[in-house]
Each structure stands twice: as structure tokens, then as C-alpha cells.
């Protein structure tokens, strides 16, 4: 069984977000990052929070899988870039925003504007929606290619967040399970 590091986007994931619902189902097998800068994300703060969550999750003596949404995808990939030899079973990256896109929150997330997608040192799966306001399918597919990750478009579900009405997002769990079994 795996341990999961939950890496939400700006302001965390609310009670109806699939990440929160999965975290509740996983119980002690899930550790959510807790940066001090949820609303005005600072990349260094988020990287430290990912490290703390990873340290806690890896104490469970299980394979660790990163489960990231939105800006959390960039925190996950940047953390992996900085820690290429840390054993990670996989990275599940959902709805990464385009840092060069018009809708990217440049002021709130200024330290994230220079992130770039580099090959990841673990199996990864990128999931994107055809009508995500924060990234085009082409941009998200390009991130997946540069991360050397599998790419899975899921249709029109907006930003794949609470507003998308996914609930516990069974299809997402199946995708995550396919990654975790690699």
C-alpha cells in the first residue's frame, strides 16, 4: 500500500474537492502539505512543506505517491527537480496551470512564474481538462511531454476542482491506481 502526499493549489482544497475526499478515505496514509503561504504562495515555503509532508509520509515505510492539483503540480515538480534521488513511487499531476497563460495568478504566485517542466525522476501522470481556464490542452500536453509523463485528457471539466462537481472522482482514482501500480 502507498502513502500519499497531498499537494493542493492556492488556498488548499476545500471539503468538496476530490483531494480532500481522497485524503479522508486514505486516513493516516495521506499527509497534506501545510505551507504558511496558502493564499500568496511562496515557492520556497511550498517546497519546504512538500519536504515535511514527504518526511512524514515516508516514515510509514510505504511507497510515497505525490497527488498534486493546480499550482501544487509546480510545487511537486520543483521539489522533484531538487530531490532527484528521493524514492517516489509516482507523481499524479492534475490541472497544472500555465505560468505563461493569461489567467495565471502572477501577483499572488509571483515566485512560481519562472518554473519550468523538466524530466521527472519517477513515473508520472498528467491529467488535464479541455476547458481548464488556467491552461490549454496543448500547454498541458506540452508540460506532460517535458516532464516525460503519461498524458491523459479527460474532457470538459473546468479546472478539475470542487466547481467541476467531480465528487470523489472515481475516474481519477482509477488513473491514480494505474500510476501507483507501475
C-alpha atoms as a PDB file:
ATOM      1  CA  UNK A   1       0.000   0.000   0.000  1.00  0.00           C
ATOM      2  CA  UNK A   2       1.147   3.520  -0.727  1.00  0.00           C
ATOM      3  CA  UNK A   3       1.373   6.653   1.357  1.00  0.00           C
ATOM      4  CA  UNK A   4       0.164   9.830  -0.309  1.00  0.00           C
ATOM      5  CA  UNK A   5       1.430  13.401  -0.140  1.00  0.00           C
ATOM      6  CA  UNK A   6      -1.482  15.717  -0.970  1.00  0.00           C
ATOM      7  CA  UNK A   7      -0.325  18.939  -2.665  1.00  0.00           C
ATOM      8  CA  UNK A   8      -3.285  21.266  -3.343  1.00  0.00           C
ATOM      9  CA  UNK A   9      -3.231  24.569  -5.211  1.00  0.00           C
ATOM     10  CA  UNK A  10      -3.732  28.102  -3.902  1.00  0.00           C
ATOM     11  CA  UNK A  11      -5.765  28.221  -0.664  1.00  0.00           C
ATOM     12  CA  UNK A  12      -5.718  24.428  -0.348  1.00  0.00           C
ATOM     13  CA  UNK A  13      -8.550  22.141  -1.406  1.00  0.00           C
ATOM     14  CA  UNK A  14     -11.958  22.684   0.197  1.00  0.00           C
ATOM     15  CA  UNK A  15     -14.161  19.998   1.730  1.00  0.00           C
ATOM     16  CA  UNK A  16     -15.803  19.029  -1.577  1.00  0.00           C
ATOM     17  CA  UNK A  17     -12.553  18.784  -3.571  1.00  0.00           C
ATOM     18  CA  UNK A  18     -11.569  15.292  -4.740  1.00  0.00           C
ATOM     19  CA  UNK A  19      -8.173  15.665  -2.979  1.00  0.00           C
ATOM     20  CA  UNK A  20      -9.884  16.236   0.368  1.00  0.00           C
ATOM     21  CA  UNK A  21     -12.331  13.381  -0.187  1.00  0.00           C
ATOM     22  CA  UNK A  22      -9.473  11.021  -1.085  1.00  0.00           C
ATOM     23  CA  UNK A  23      -7.462  12.199   1.899  1.00  0.00           C
ATOM     24  CA  UNK A  24     -10.369  11.321   4.200  1.00  0.00           C
ATOM     25  CA  UNK A  25     -10.620   7.862   2.623  1.00  0.00           C
ATOM     26  CA  UNK A  26      -6.891   7.241   2.998  1.00  0.00           C
ATOM     27  CA  UNK A  27      -6.776   8.360   6.624  1.00  0.00           C
ATOM     28  CA  UNK A  28      -3.307   8.050   8.141  1.00  0.00           C
ATOM     29  CA  UNK A  29      -1.888   7.010   4.745  1.00  0.00           C
ATOM     30  CA  UNK A  30      -2.260  10.603   3.497  1.00  0.00           C
ATOM     31  CA  UNK A  31      -0.289  13.691   4.509  1.00  0.00           C
ATOM     32  CA  UNK A  32      -1.331  17.133   3.237  1.00  0.00           C
ATOM     33  CA  UNK A  33       1.252  19.864   2.841  1.00  0.00           C
ATOM     34  CA  UNK A  34       0.775  22.844   5.136  1.00  0.00           C
ATOM     35  CA  UNK A  35       2.669  25.866   3.832  1.00  0.00           C
ATOM     36  CA  UNK A  36       2.370  29.184   5.645  1.00  0.00           C
ATOM     37  CA  UNK A  37       1.673  30.912   2.328  1.00  0.00           C
ATOM     38  CA  UNK A  38      -1.543  29.260   1.080  1.00  0.00           C
ATOM     39  CA  UNK A  39      -3.086  32.469  -0.332  1.00  0.00           C
ATOM     40  CA  UNK A  40       0.095  34.172  -1.547  1.00  0.00           C
ATOM     41  CA  UNK A  41       2.171  31.124  -2.495  1.00  0.00           C
ATOM     42  CA  UNK A  42       5.910  31.331  -1.993  1.00  0.00           C
ATOM     43  CA  UNK A  43       7.692  28.546  -3.866  1.00  0.00           C
ATOM     44  CA  UNK A  44      10.386  28.038  -1.217  1.00  0.00           C
ATOM     45  CA  UNK A  45       7.735  27.798   1.512  1.00  0.00           C
ATOM     46  CA  UNK A  46       5.787  25.255  -0.544  1.00  0.00           C
ATOM     47  CA  UNK A  47       8.927  23.213  -1.281  1.00  0.00           C
ATOM     48  CA  UNK A  48       9.643  23.081   2.448  1.00  0.00           C
ATOM     49  CA  UNK A  49       6.052  21.978   3.075  1.00  0.00           C
ATOM     50  CA  UNK A  50       6.363  19.212   0.469  1.00  0.00           C
ATOM     51  CA  UNK A  51       9.586  18.055   2.155  1.00  0.00           C
ATOM     52  CA  UNK A  52       7.925  17.972   5.584  1.00  0.00           C
ATOM     53  CA  UNK A  53       4.943  16.033   4.233  1.00  0.00           C
ATOM     54  CA  UNK A  54       7.234  13.622   2.387  1.00  0.00           C
ATOM     55  CA  UNK A  55       9.291  13.045   5.530  1.00  0.00           C
ATOM     56  CA  UNK A  56       6.132  12.244   7.484  1.00  0.00           C
ATOM     57  CA  UNK A  57       4.680  10.004   4.759  1.00  0.00           C
ATOM     58  CA  UNK A  58       7.941   8.102   4.229  1.00  0.00           C
ATOM     59  CA  UNK A  59       8.100   7.234   7.949  1.00  0.00           C
ATOM     60  CA  UNK A  60       5.173   4.905   7.274  1.00  0.00           C
ATOM     61  CA  UNK A  61       7.604   2.608   5.415  1.00  0.00           C
ATOM     62  CA  UNK A  62       5.463   2.671   2.299  1.00  0.00           C
ATOM     63  CA  UNK A  63       5.881   3.775  -1.277  1.00  0.00           C
ATOM     64  CA  UNK A  64       5.151   7.506  -1.480  1.00  0.00           C
ATOM     65  CA  UNK A  65       2.985   8.962  -4.251  1.00  0.00           C
ATOM     66  CA  UNK A  66       2.600  12.717  -4.780  1.00  0.00           C
ATOM     67  CA  UNK A  67      -1.011  13.764  -5.523  1.00  0.00           C
ATOM     68  CA  UNK A  68      -0.967  17.337  -6.807  1.00  0.00           C
ATOM     69  CA  UNK A  69      -3.574  19.740  -8.154  1.00  0.00           C
ATOM     70  CA  UNK A  70      -3.163  23.089  -9.909  1.00  0.00           C
ATOM     71  CA  UNK A  71      -0.263  25.142  -8.521  1.00  0.00           C
ATOM     72  CA  UNK A  72       0.602  22.099  -6.416  1.00  0.00           C
ATOM     73  CA  UNK A  73       1.781  20.412  -9.632  1.00  0.00           C
ATOM     74  CA  UNK A  74       4.534  23.006  -9.932  1.00  0.00           C
ATOM     75  CA  UNK A  75       5.460  22.617  -6.270  1.00  0.00           C
ATOM     76  CA  UNK A  76       5.651  18.835  -6.779  1.00  0.00           C
ATOM     77  CA  UNK A  77       7.735  19.021  -9.957  1.00  0.00           C
ATOM     78  CA  UNK A  78      10.074  21.663  -8.497  1.00  0.00           C
ATOM     79  CA  UNK A  79      10.529  19.557  -5.356  1.00  0.00           C
ATOM     80  CA  UNK A  80      11.304  16.515  -7.511  1.00  0.00           C
ATOM     81  CA  UNK A  81      13.812  18.588  -9.543  1.00  0.00           C
ATOM     82  CA  UNK A  82      15.565  19.478  -6.269  1.00  0.00           C
ATOM     83  CA  UNK A  83      15.417  15.890  -4.933  1.00  0.00           C
ATOM     84  CA  UNK A  84      16.022  13.563  -7.908  1.00  0.00           C
ATOM     85  CA  UNK A  85      17.317  10.658  -5.817  1.00  0.00           C
ATOM     86  CA  UNK A  86      14.471  10.598  -3.266  1.00  0.00           C
ATOM     87  CA  UNK A  87      12.427   7.412  -3.770  1.00  0.00           C
ATOM     88  CA  UNK A  88       8.997   8.389  -5.092  1.00  0.00           C
ATOM     89  CA  UNK A  89       6.595   5.789  -6.480  1.00  0.00           C
ATOM     90  CA  UNK A  90       4.815   8.316  -8.691  1.00  0.00           C
ATOM     91  CA  UNK A  91       3.518  11.825  -9.258  1.00  0.00           C
ATOM     92  CA  UNK A  92      -0.159  12.372 -10.113  1.00  0.00           C
ATOM     93  CA  UNK A  93      -0.342  15.905 -11.538  1.00  0.00           C
ATOM     94  CA  UNK A  94      -3.842  17.269 -12.180  1.00  0.00           C
ATOM     95  CA  UNK A  95      -4.645  20.552 -13.950  1.00  0.00           C
ATOM     96  CA  UNK A  96      -1.264  22.296 -13.847  1.00  0.00           C
ATOM     97  CA  UNK A  97      -1.790  25.983 -14.631  1.00  0.00           C
ATOM     98  CA  UNK A  98       0.221  27.568 -17.427  1.00  0.00           C
ATOM     99  CA  UNK A  99       2.643  30.040 -15.760  1.00  0.00           C
ATOM    100  CA  UNK A 100       2.755  31.959 -19.051  1.00  0.00           C
ATOM    101  CA  UNK A 101      -1.003  31.879 -19.572  1.00  0.00           C
ATOM    102  CA  UNK A 102      -3.237  34.926 -19.207  1.00  0.00           C
ATOM    103  CA  UNK A 103      -5.159  33.513 -16.228  1.00  0.00           C
ATOM    104  CA  UNK A 104      -2.093  32.598 -14.149  1.00  0.00           C
ATOM    105  CA  UNK A 105      -2.197  34.468 -10.796  1.00  0.00           C
ATOM    106  CA  UNK A 106       1.085  36.319 -11.380  1.00  0.00           C
ATOM    107  CA  UNK A 107       0.763  38.675  -8.424  1.00  0.00           C
ATOM    108  CA  UNK A 108      -0.376  36.100  -5.888  1.00  0.00           C
ATOM    109  CA  UNK A 109       2.064  33.412  -7.078  1.00  0.00           C
ATOM    110  CA  UNK A 110       4.967  35.546  -8.303  1.00  0.00           C
ATOM    111  CA  UNK A 111       7.636  33.056  -7.180  1.00  0.00           C
ATOM    112  CA  UNK A 112       6.040  30.376  -9.382  1.00  0.00           C
ATOM    113  CA  UNK A 113       6.229  32.358 -12.649  1.00  0.00           C
ATOM    114  CA  UNK A 114       9.696  31.063 -13.584  1.00  0.00           C
ATOM    115  CA  UNK A 115       9.024  27.354 -13.045  1.00  0.00           C
ATOM    116  CA  UNK A 116       9.679  25.054 -15.966  1.00  0.00           C
ATOM    117  CA  UNK A 117       8.868  21.448 -16.713  1.00  0.00           C
ATOM    118  CA  UNK A 118      11.929  19.182 -16.591  1.00  0.00           C
ATOM    119  CA  UNK A 119      12.021  15.374 -16.856  1.00  0.00           C
ATOM    120  CA  UNK A 120      10.768  13.872 -13.599  1.00  0.00           C
ATOM    121  CA  UNK A 121      12.747  11.154 -11.807  1.00  0.00           C
ATOM    122  CA  UNK A 122       9.678   8.969 -11.202  1.00  0.00           C
ATOM    123  CA  UNK A 123       6.644   7.656 -13.087  1.00  0.00           C
ATOM    124  CA  UNK A 124       4.169  10.485 -13.573  1.00  0.00           C
ATOM    125  CA  UNK A 125       0.708  11.044 -14.996  1.00  0.00           C
ATOM    126  CA  UNK A 126      -0.627  14.460 -16.029  1.00  0.00           C
ATOM    127  CA  UNK A 127      -4.396  14.909 -16.238  1.00  0.00           C
ATOM    128  CA  UNK A 128      -5.974  17.923 -17.923  1.00  0.00           C
ATOM    129  CA  UNK A 129      -9.384  19.236 -18.905  1.00  0.00           C
ATOM    130  CA  UNK A 130     -10.285  20.585 -22.346  1.00  0.00           C
ATOM    131  CA  UNK A 131     -11.820  23.747 -20.881  1.00  0.00           C
ATOM    132  CA  UNK A 132      -9.492  24.494 -17.972  1.00  0.00           C
ATOM    133  CA  UNK A 133      -9.404  28.296 -17.625  1.00  0.00           C
ATOM    134  CA  UNK A 134      -5.800  28.141 -16.370  1.00  0.00           C
ATOM    135  CA  UNK A 135      -4.251  26.116 -19.192  1.00  0.00           C
ATOM    136  CA  UNK A 136      -4.973  24.945 -22.712  1.00  0.00           C
ATOM    137  CA  UNK A 137      -4.869  21.255 -23.555  1.00  0.00           C
ATOM    138  CA  UNK A 138      -1.862  21.932 -25.794  1.00  0.00           C
ATOM    139  CA  UNK A 139       0.052  23.632 -22.966  1.00  0.00           C
ATOM    140  CA  UNK A 140      -0.816  20.856 -20.505  1.00  0.00           C
ATOM    141  CA  UNK A 141       0.183  18.176 -23.026  1.00  0.00           C
ATOM    142  CA  UNK A 142       3.470  20.045 -23.509  1.00  0.00           C
ATOM    143  CA  UNK A 143       4.097  20.026 -19.742  1.00  0.00           C
ATOM    144  CA  UNK A 144       3.456  16.272 -19.712  1.00  0.00           C
ATOM    145  CA  UNK A 145       5.910  15.739 -22.577  1.00  0.00           C
ATOM    146  CA  UNK A 146       8.608  17.841 -20.899  1.00  0.00           C
ATOM    147  CA  UNK A 147       8.006  16.061 -17.575  1.00  0.00           C
ATOM    148  CA  UNK A 148       8.260  12.755 -19.533  1.00  0.00           C
ATOM    149  CA  UNK A 149       4.912  11.828 -18.016  1.00  0.00           C
ATOM    150  CA  UNK A 150       1.911   9.986 -19.374  1.00  0.00           C
ATOM    151  CA  UNK A 151      -0.745  12.416 -20.580  1.00  0.00           C
ATOM    152  CA  UNK A 152      -4.471  11.890 -20.063  1.00  0.00           C
ATOM    153  CA  UNK A 153      -7.059  14.468 -21.229  1.00  0.00           C
ATOM    154  CA  UNK A 154     -10.439  13.981 -19.504  1.00  0.00           C
ATOM    155  CA  UNK A 155     -12.925  16.082 -21.470  1.00  0.00           C
ATOM    156  CA  UNK A 156     -14.548  19.308 -20.314  1.00  0.00           C
ATOM    157  CA  UNK A 157     -14.438  19.581 -16.521  1.00  0.00           C
ATOM    158  CA  UNK A 158     -13.053  23.066 -15.973  1.00  0.00           C
ATOM    159  CA  UNK A 159     -10.147  23.210 -13.534  1.00  0.00           C
ATOM    160  CA  UNK A 160     -10.862  19.719 -12.147  1.00  0.00           C
ATOM    161  CA  UNK A 161     -11.687  21.199  -8.753  1.00  0.00           C
ATOM    162  CA  UNK A 162     -14.751  21.412  -6.491  1.00  0.00           C
ATOM    163  CA  UNK A 163     -16.594  23.579  -9.017  1.00  0.00           C
ATOM    164  CA  UNK A 164     -16.227  20.748 -11.543  1.00  0.00           C
ATOM    165  CA  UNK A 165     -18.641  18.622  -9.496  1.00  0.00           C
ATOM    166  CA  UNK A 166     -16.389  15.561  -9.577  1.00  0.00           C
ATOM    167  CA  UNK A 167     -17.148  14.412  -6.023  1.00  0.00           C
ATOM    168  CA  UNK A 168     -14.754  11.605  -5.112  1.00  0.00           C
ATOM    169  CA  UNK A 169     -13.793  11.401  -8.817  1.00  0.00           C
ATOM    170  CA  UNK A 170     -13.767   7.675  -9.447  1.00  0.00           C
ATOM    171  CA  UNK A 171     -12.108   8.051 -12.859  1.00  0.00           C
ATOM    172  CA  UNK A 172      -9.287   9.981 -11.205  1.00  0.00           C
ATOM    173  CA  UNK A 173      -8.822   7.201  -8.639  1.00  0.00           C
ATOM    174  CA  UNK A 174      -8.576   4.673 -11.455  1.00  0.00           C
ATOM    175  CA  UNK A 175      -5.928   6.829 -13.142  1.00  0.00           C
ATOM    176  CA  UNK A 176      -4.021   7.192  -9.872  1.00  0.00           C
ATOM    177  CA  UNK A 177      -4.221   3.448  -9.262  1.00  0.00           C
ATOM    178  CA  UNK A 178      -2.806   2.801 -12.759  1.00  0.00           C
ATOM    179  CA  UNK A 179       0.127   5.080 -11.902  1.00  0.00           C
ATOM    180  CA  UNK A 180       0.703   3.551  -8.467  1.00  0.00           C
ATOM    181  CA  UNK A 181       0.850   0.059  -9.997  1.00  0.00           C
ATOM    182  CA  UNK A 182       3.706   0.962 -12.350  1.00  0.00           C
END
